[in-house]
Amino acid sequence: MLPLRAPVKPMLAKPVDGVPHRGGLLFEPKWDGFRCLAFVDPGEPVLLQSRTGRGLERYFPEVQATLAQQLERPAVLDGELVVIQRDEDGDRLDWNELSERIHPAASRVATLAERTPATFIAFDLLALDDRDLTSSTQSERRALLTELGLDRPGLRTTPATEDPELAEEWFRLFEGAGLDGVIAKPLDGQYVPGKRTMFKIKHSRTVDCVVAGLRWHANTEPGTAVGSLQLGLHDENGVLHHVGVVGAFTAARRRELADELSGLITEGEHPWVGENATGRRLPGSVNRWNSTEQPWVPLRPERVVEVAYDHTEGGYPSRFRHTTQFVRWRPDRDPGSCGYAQLEEPMRYDLDSVLFGAAHRTERSNG
């Protein structure tokens, strides 16, 4: 019987700038997927728990089946659910296909489980047999995890190294396979649920965007405080698409922005309103996450802001996956020049090399 029962809060990481160059750390690739704790007890249904404590079994039945078939000992694993896709340049993580798996229709989930099966990448071991390992050190847990031999179709163990130089190579190269950065874990550290005891080094870059709308801050009188700014980028045909928001402002700055931007509020022609909105990605649209249209206020697209972002998602024209971070206003930049061409694409890297911890670049196919 497992000594731990769901839900268990996963251990978390705090951001740092750059790979730490000191001893006593274990470095791993930072996978770009869904965090998942797997509770495997032979003879019982495998439980897949999300970061927030919700069950994921109905969305990933193939992972549930793989863990039940391949793991013969009671265990609690911490890891990441990812979808791996192959193209002419090799294997790569596919966030868009992964996000499609969270679907309300069971028939759709079954189809996707067969067409784009997910893989569980194990990177920690919280319990094994009747032992609670959360008080054991990271080095002890890693050794036991490695001994399980979880490198099979649909089930892998993440590579790891104690060499910060190699970790920097991973950080530089593995982004080309769709990974998120590098995680650093103290080798003598215990597994502390819900606490930020690890370190994460993530990729980040900046882009200049058109400010074409805003939302008022929740629980304030409309017109008094800005909640977020609606960001846009032009495609190659000059069409302005909504790409995301920036909204981490202090209360005082929210009030200042309401005054500064009031003169740009428009009820006239706007690229995201009326007939002009055809064929564009728009703010506030209804999707499976938002069941109602989210209200926003159009602004004349005359101001440019530089924001920091980590990932984009969706087919072209893409959007920012997460809320961006404000960097600075760009009064020197023409809004019409703010296009998708600014978005950086890392050089491709084959995911199969990541899974084996390789640090050499895979050449792009010429065929």
Protein backbone atom coordinates (compact mmCIF):
# COMPACT_ATOMS: atom_id res chain seq x y z
CA MET A 1 0.00 0.00 0.00
CA LEU A 2 1.25 3.47 -0.88
CA PRO A 3 2.40 5.57 2.09
CA LEU A 4 1.20 8.75 0.31
CA ARG A 5 -2.27 9.47 -0.99
CA ALA A 6 -3.49 12.07 -3.47
CA PRO A 7 -3.64 14.98 -3.48
CA VAL A 8 -0.04 15.96 -2.71
CA LYS A 9 1.14 19.46 -3.51
CA PRO A 10 4.12 19.29 -5.88
CA MET A 11 7.42 20.88 -4.91
CA LEU A 12 7.95 24.16 -6.77
CA ALA A 13 10.81 26.28 -8.10
CA LYS A 14 11.71 29.95 -7.82
CA PRO A 15 13.23 31.84 -10.76
CA VAL A 16 16.91 32.79 -10.84
CA ASP A 17 19.01 34.53 -13.45
CA GLY A 18 21.44 32.13 -15.07
CA VAL A 19 22.64 28.63 -14.23
CA PRO A 20 24.17 28.62 -10.71
CA HIS A 21 27.86 27.71 -10.75
CA ARG A 22 28.26 26.06 -7.38
CA GLY A 23 28.43 22.54 -6.09
CA GLY A 24 25.67 20.51 -4.55
CA LEU A 25 23.09 20.94 -7.32
CA LEU A 26 21.42 18.52 -9.68
CA PHE A 27 20.43 20.03 -13.04
CA GLU A 28 17.59 18.79 -15.24
CA PRO A 29 15.91 20.04 -18.42
CA LYS A 30 12.73 22.01 -17.67
CA TRP A 31 9.97 20.25 -19.58
CA ASP A 32 7.21 22.28 -21.19
CA GLY A 33 4.06 20.32 -20.44
CA PHE A 34 1.52 19.59 -17.71
CA ARG A 35 2.92 18.92 -14.23
CA CYS A 36 1.64 15.55 -13.05
CA LEU A 37 2.00 13.36 -9.96
CA ALA A 38 1.34 9.68 -10.67
CA PHE A 39 0.13 7.35 -7.90
CA VAL A 40 0.78 3.76 -8.97
CA ASP A 41 -0.46 0.94 -6.74
CA PRO A 42 -0.59 -2.46 -8.52
CA GLY A 43 -4.14 -3.75 -8.61
CA GLU A 44 -5.61 -0.26 -8.22
CA PRO A 45 -6.38 2.36 -10.91
CA VAL A 46 -3.45 4.70 -11.53
CA LEU A 47 -4.18 8.25 -10.34
CA LEU A 48 -2.83 11.21 -12.30
CA GLN A 49 -2.88 14.44 -10.30
CA SER A 50 -2.40 17.92 -11.75
CA ARG A 51 -0.40 20.67 -10.07
CA THR A 52 -3.65 22.05 -8.63
CA GLY A 53 -4.74 18.67 -7.25
CA ARG A 54 -7.26 17.74 -9.94
CA GLY A 55 -7.47 14.34 -11.56
CA LEU A 56 -6.12 13.98 -15.11
CA GLU A 57 -7.00 10.32 -15.74
CA ARG A 58 -9.92 11.02 -18.10
CA TYR A 59 -7.74 13.21 -20.32
CA PHE A 60 -4.74 10.85 -20.51
CA PRO A 61 -6.02 7.26 -20.42
CA GLU A 62 -3.04 6.01 -22.42
CA VAL A 63 -0.61 7.32 -19.76
CA GLN A 64 -2.71 5.71 -17.05
CA ALA A 65 -2.53 2.39 -18.91
CA THR A 66 1.22 2.66 -19.58
CA LEU A 67 2.06 3.29 -15.94
CA ALA A 68 -0.18 0.42 -14.82
CA GLN A 69 1.49 -1.97 -17.27
CA GLN A 70 5.11 -0.89 -16.86
CA LEU A 71 5.45 -0.18 -13.14
CA GLU A 72 5.13 -3.32 -11.04
CA ARG A 73 5.98 -1.71 -7.68
CA PRO A 74 3.91 0.78 -5.66
CA ALA A 75 5.32 4.24 -6.37
CA VAL A 76 4.49 7.94 -6.42
CA LEU A 77 6.22 9.75 -9.27
CA ASP A 78 6.53 13.46 -9.95
CA GLY A 79 6.86 14.39 -13.59
CA GLU A 80 5.54 16.11 -16.67
CA LEU A 81 3.02 15.11 -19.30
CA VAL A 82 4.20 16.03 -22.80
CA VAL A 83 3.20 15.31 -26.38
CA ILE A 84 6.07 14.51 -28.76
CA GLN A 85 5.64 15.14 -32.48
CA ARG A 86 7.96 14.22 -35.34
CA ASP A 87 8.64 16.33 -38.41
CA GLU A 88 11.42 16.56 -40.98
CA ASP A 89 13.81 17.96 -38.35
CA GLY A 90 13.22 15.23 -35.74
CA ASP A 91 11.19 14.99 -32.55
CA ARG A 92 9.92 18.05 -30.70
CA LEU A 93 7.51 18.87 -27.86
CA ASP A 94 4.14 20.07 -29.12
CA TRP A 95 2.34 22.28 -26.60
CA ASN A 96 -0.59 22.95 -28.91
CA GLU A 97 -1.41 19.26 -29.27
CA LEU A 98 -0.97 18.76 -25.53
CA SER A 99 -3.40 21.56 -24.67
CA GLU A 100 -6.00 20.01 -26.98
CA ARG A 101 -6.12 16.98 -24.69
CA ILE A 102 -8.06 18.91 -22.02
CA HIS A 103 -11.37 18.48 -23.80
CA PRO A 104 -14.87 17.92 -22.37
CA ALA A 105 -15.85 15.26 -24.92
CA ALA A 106 -14.73 11.72 -24.04
CA SER A 107 -14.86 10.70 -27.71
CA ARG A 108 -12.48 13.51 -28.63
CA VAL A 109 -10.09 12.55 -25.83
CA ALA A 110 -10.09 8.93 -27.03
CA THR A 111 -9.29 10.00 -30.59
CA LEU A 112 -6.44 12.26 -29.48
CA ALA A 113 -5.04 9.63 -27.09
CA GLU A 114 -4.58 7.38 -30.11
CA ARG A 115 -3.49 10.06 -32.58
CA THR A 116 -1.20 12.13 -30.30
CA PRO A 117 -0.39 9.94 -27.27
CA ALA A 118 1.26 11.68 -24.32
CA THR A 119 4.51 10.68 -22.63
CA PHE A 120 5.15 10.85 -18.88
CA ILE A 121 8.61 12.26 -18.11
CA ALA A 122 9.52 11.23 -14.54
CA PHE A 123 11.86 13.53 -12.62
CA ASP A 124 11.29 12.68 -8.94
CA LEU A 125 10.21 9.80 -6.72
CA LEU A 126 8.11 10.56 -3.63
CA ALA A 127 7.36 7.01 -2.51
CA LEU A 128 8.44 3.48 -3.37
CA ASP A 129 6.86 0.30 -2.01
CA ASP A 130 5.91 1.23 1.55
CA ARG A 131 8.57 3.95 1.93
CA ASP A 132 7.75 7.66 2.08
CA LEU A 133 10.77 9.24 0.37
CA THR A 134 9.86 12.92 0.86
CA SER A 135 12.32 13.17 3.78
CA SER A 136 15.11 11.51 1.77
CA THR A 137 17.66 13.65 -0.05
CA GLN A 138 17.38 14.51 -3.74
CA SER A 139 20.44 12.39 -4.52
CA GLU A 140 18.86 9.36 -2.81
CA ARG A 141 15.54 9.85 -4.61
CA ARG A 142 17.30 10.28 -7.97
CA ALA A 143 19.24 7.03 -7.51
CA LEU A 144 16.06 5.10 -6.73
CA LEU A 145 14.23 6.71 -9.66
CA THR A 146 17.01 5.74 -12.06
CA GLU A 147 16.96 2.15 -10.82
CA LEU A 148 13.30 1.82 -11.86
CA GLY A 149 14.38 1.87 -15.52
CA LEU A 150 11.45 3.90 -16.82
CA ASP A 151 12.79 4.49 -20.35
CA ARG A 152 10.08 2.84 -22.44
CA PRO A 153 7.55 4.09 -25.03
CA GLY A 154 5.31 6.62 -23.30
CA LEU A 155 7.40 6.63 -20.12
CA ARG A 156 10.81 8.22 -19.66
CA THR A 157 13.19 9.37 -16.93
CA THR A 158 14.53 12.88 -17.34
CA PRO A 159 18.30 13.25 -17.86
CA ALA A 160 20.25 14.94 -15.08
CA THR A 161 23.76 16.25 -14.44
CA GLU A 162 25.76 17.84 -11.64
CA ASP A 163 27.90 19.73 -14.16
CA PRO A 164 26.82 23.41 -14.47
CA GLU A 165 28.75 23.76 -17.75
CA LEU A 166 26.71 20.96 -19.29
CA ALA A 167 23.54 22.48 -17.81
CA GLU A 168 24.35 25.72 -19.64
CA GLU A 169 24.71 23.75 -22.89
CA TRP A 170 21.33 22.16 -22.23
CA PHE A 171 19.80 25.57 -21.58
CA ARG A 172 21.18 26.90 -24.86
CA LEU A 173 20.42 23.93 -27.10
CA PHE A 174 17.34 22.19 -25.74
CA GLU A 175 15.01 25.13 -26.38
CA GLY A 176 15.16 24.07 -30.01
CA ALA A 177 13.33 20.87 -29.01
CA GLY A 178 10.56 22.84 -27.29
CA LEU A 179 11.90 22.76 -23.74
CA ASP A 180 11.47 25.55 -21.21
CA GLY A 181 14.91 25.98 -19.63
CA VAL A 182 16.76 24.25 -16.79
CA ILE A 183 15.83 23.23 -13.23
CA ALA A 184 18.40 23.13 -10.41
CA LYS A 185 17.75 21.02 -7.29
CA PRO A 186 19.87 20.90 -4.09
CA LEU A 187 21.30 17.38 -3.87
CA ASP A 188 20.83 17.32 -0.10
CA GLY A 189 17.30 18.73 -0.29
CA GLN A 190 14.16 16.92 0.81
CA TYR A 191 10.91 16.90 -1.18
CA VAL A 192 8.90 19.72 0.39
CA PRO A 193 5.34 19.81 -1.01
CA GLY A 194 4.12 23.24 -2.06
CA LYS A 195 7.42 25.00 -1.29
CA ARG A 196 9.76 26.71 -3.77
CA THR A 197 12.94 24.88 -2.84
CA MET A 198 14.17 24.32 -6.41
CA PHE A 199 15.50 26.90 -8.89
CA LYS A 200 14.32 27.48 -12.44
CA ILE A 201 16.22 29.19 -15.24
CA LYS A 202 13.78 30.01 -18.04
CA HIS A 203 14.14 31.43 -21.52
CA SER A 204 12.84 34.96 -21.96
CA ARG A 205 12.94 37.49 -24.78
CA THR A 206 11.30 40.80 -25.63
CA VAL A 207 9.13 42.11 -28.45
CA ASP A 208 7.58 45.48 -29.34
CA CYS A 209 3.77 45.30 -29.52
CA VAL A 210 0.97 47.67 -30.45
CA VAL A 211 -1.34 48.63 -27.58
CA ALA A 212 -4.80 48.43 -29.15
CA GLY A 213 -7.10 48.03 -26.16
CA LEU A 214 -7.45 47.72 -22.42
CA ARG A 215 -9.52 46.13 -19.71
CA TRP A 216 -10.47 48.01 -16.58
CA HIS A 217 -9.23 46.59 -13.31
CA ALA A 218 -11.67 44.29 -11.52
CA ASN A 219 -13.67 45.75 -8.64
CA THR A 220 -12.94 49.34 -9.62
CA GLU A 221 -15.07 51.98 -11.29
CA PRO A 222 -14.60 51.72 -15.08
CA GLY A 223 -12.28 54.48 -16.25
CA THR A 224 -10.34 54.74 -12.99
CA ALA A 225 -7.77 51.92 -13.10
CA VAL A 226 -6.34 49.80 -15.93
CA GLY A 227 -6.33 46.04 -15.40
CA SER A 228 -4.43 44.99 -18.52
CA LEU A 229 -3.33 46.26 -21.91
CA GLN A 230 -4.34 44.36 -25.05
CA LEU A 231 -1.35 43.69 -27.31
CA GLY A 232 -1.19 43.27 -31.08
CA LEU A 233 1.27 42.29 -33.81
CA HIS A 234 0.93 42.70 -37.59
CA ASP A 235 1.21 39.75 -39.95
CA GLU A 236 2.96 39.95 -43.33
CA ASN A 237 -0.18 41.49 -44.85
CA GLY A 238 -0.36 44.27 -42.28
CA VAL A 239 -3.31 42.70 -40.41
CA LEU A 240 -3.17 43.41 -36.66
CA HIS A 241 -3.82 40.30 -34.53
CA HIS A 242 -4.37 40.14 -30.79
CA VAL A 243 -1.42 38.30 -29.19
CA GLY A 244 -1.91 38.69 -25.44
CA VAL A 245 -1.91 41.08 -22.52
CA VAL A 246 0.41 42.83 -20.10
CA GLY A 247 -1.02 43.65 -16.71
CA ALA A 248 1.38 43.48 -13.74
CA PHE A 249 1.13 47.10 -12.56
CA THR A 250 0.98 48.66 -9.12
CA ALA A 251 -2.29 50.18 -7.96
CA ALA A 252 -0.90 53.70 -8.41
CA ARG A 253 0.36 52.90 -11.91
CA ARG A 254 -3.04 51.45 -12.88
CA ARG A 255 -4.67 54.77 -12.01
CA GLU A 256 -2.00 56.72 -13.92
CA LEU A 257 -2.51 54.55 -17.00
CA ALA A 258 -6.26 55.21 -16.90
CA ASP A 259 -5.51 58.93 -17.24
CA GLU A 260 -2.70 58.52 -19.77
CA LEU A 261 -4.70 56.30 -22.11
CA SER A 262 -8.11 57.96 -21.79
CA GLY A 263 -7.46 60.11 -24.88
CA LEU A 264 -6.91 56.98 -27.02
CA ILE A 265 -10.28 55.38 -26.22
CA THR A 266 -12.27 55.23 -29.43
CA GLU A 267 -15.73 54.28 -30.63
CA GLY A 268 -14.69 54.79 -34.24
CA GLU A 269 -12.96 52.53 -36.72
CA HIS A 270 -10.77 49.91 -35.09
CA PRO A 271 -8.98 46.82 -36.49
CA TRP A 272 -10.63 44.51 -33.93
CA VAL A 273 -14.19 45.86 -34.16
CA GLY A 274 -16.95 45.35 -36.72
CA GLU A 275 -16.20 44.43 -40.32
CA ASN A 276 -12.50 45.12 -39.82
CA ALA A 277 -12.26 42.20 -37.38
CA THR A 278 -12.72 39.51 -40.05
CA GLY A 279 -9.80 37.08 -40.31
CA ARG A 280 -8.01 38.27 -37.19
CA ARG A 281 -7.20 36.85 -33.78
CA LEU A 282 -9.26 38.99 -31.40
CA PRO A 283 -9.25 39.74 -27.64
CA GLY A 284 -11.94 38.39 -25.36
CA SER A 285 -13.17 35.66 -27.70
CA VAL A 286 -15.15 32.67 -26.48
CA ASN A 287 -13.24 29.39 -26.23
CA ARG A 288 -13.23 26.29 -24.05
CA TRP A 289 -11.57 28.28 -21.24
CA ASN A 290 -13.88 31.33 -21.47
CA SER A 291 -17.57 30.61 -21.97
CA THR A 292 -18.48 34.27 -22.38
CA GLU A 293 -16.89 37.12 -24.27
CA GLN A 294 -14.54 39.13 -22.08
CA PRO A 295 -15.25 42.89 -22.18
CA TRP A 296 -12.49 45.21 -23.34
CA VAL A 297 -12.16 48.84 -24.46
CA PRO A 298 -10.75 49.68 -27.93
CA LEU A 299 -7.83 52.14 -28.11
CA ARG A 300 -6.51 53.84 -31.21
CA PRO A 301 -3.44 51.67 -32.02
CA GLU A 302 -0.91 54.47 -31.71
CA ARG A 303 1.30 53.42 -28.80
CA VAL A 304 4.00 50.76 -28.68
CA VAL A 305 5.19 48.85 -25.62
CA GLU A 306 8.12 46.47 -25.20
CA VAL A 307 7.21 43.34 -23.25
CA ALA A 308 9.05 40.21 -22.14
CA TYR A 309 7.59 36.82 -23.04
CA ASP A 310 8.58 33.18 -22.77
CA HIS A 311 6.48 31.13 -25.20
CA THR A 312 4.01 31.50 -28.03
CA GLU A 313 1.25 29.03 -28.85
CA GLY A 314 -1.33 28.32 -31.54
CA GLY A 315 -0.86 28.09 -35.27
CA TYR A 316 0.15 31.17 -37.19
CA PRO A 317 -0.75 33.85 -36.29
CA SER A 318 0.35 32.77 -32.81
CA ARG A 319 -0.22 34.39 -29.42
CA PHE A 320 1.68 34.61 -26.13
CA ARG A 321 0.95 31.61 -23.93
CA HIS A 322 1.34 33.51 -20.65
CA THR A 323 0.82 37.09 -19.51
CA THR A 324 3.79 39.18 -20.62
CA GLN A 325 5.90 41.46 -18.46
CA PHE A 326 6.15 45.22 -19.02
CA VAL A 327 9.64 46.40 -20.01
CA ARG A 328 9.23 49.97 -21.32
CA TRP A 329 7.24 52.21 -23.60
CA ARG A 330 8.67 52.68 -27.10
CA PRO A 331 7.66 56.19 -28.27
CA ASP A 332 10.34 55.90 -30.96
CA ARG A 333 8.68 52.91 -32.60
CA ASP A 334 6.11 53.10 -35.42
CA PRO A 335 3.11 50.86 -34.55
CA GLY A 336 2.96 49.69 -38.16
CA SER A 337 6.44 48.20 -37.84
CA CYS A 338 5.48 45.89 -34.97
CA GLY A 339 5.16 42.51 -36.67
CA TYR A 340 5.51 38.80 -36.10
CA ALA A 341 8.94 38.85 -37.70
CA GLN A 342 10.33 40.04 -34.34
CA LEU A 343 9.53 36.72 -32.64
CA GLU A 344 12.64 34.62 -32.30
CA GLU A 345 12.72 30.96 -33.29
CA PRO A 346 15.44 28.86 -31.64
CA MET A 347 17.54 26.57 -33.83
CA ARG A 348 15.89 23.14 -34.00
CA TYR A 349 17.20 20.39 -31.77
CA ASP A 350 16.13 16.74 -31.81
CA LEU A 351 14.17 15.73 -28.69
CA ASP A 352 15.61 12.22 -28.79
CA SER A 353 18.99 13.75 -28.00
CA VAL A 354 17.47 15.59 -25.03
CA LEU A 355 16.07 12.38 -23.57
CA PHE A 356 19.55 10.87 -23.59
CA GLY A 357 21.16 14.03 -22.20
CA ALA A 358 23.16 14.75 -25.33
CA ALA A 359 24.62 18.21 -25.85
CA HIS A 360 25.36 18.22 -29.55
CA ARG A 361 23.35 20.01 -32.18
CA THR A 362 21.28 17.93 -34.60
CA GLU A 363 21.78 19.17 -38.14
CA ARG A 364 18.69 20.36 -40.00
CA SER A 365 17.64 17.92 -42.70
CA ASN A 366 18.33 19.01 -46.24
CA GLY A 367 16.00 16.38 -47.67
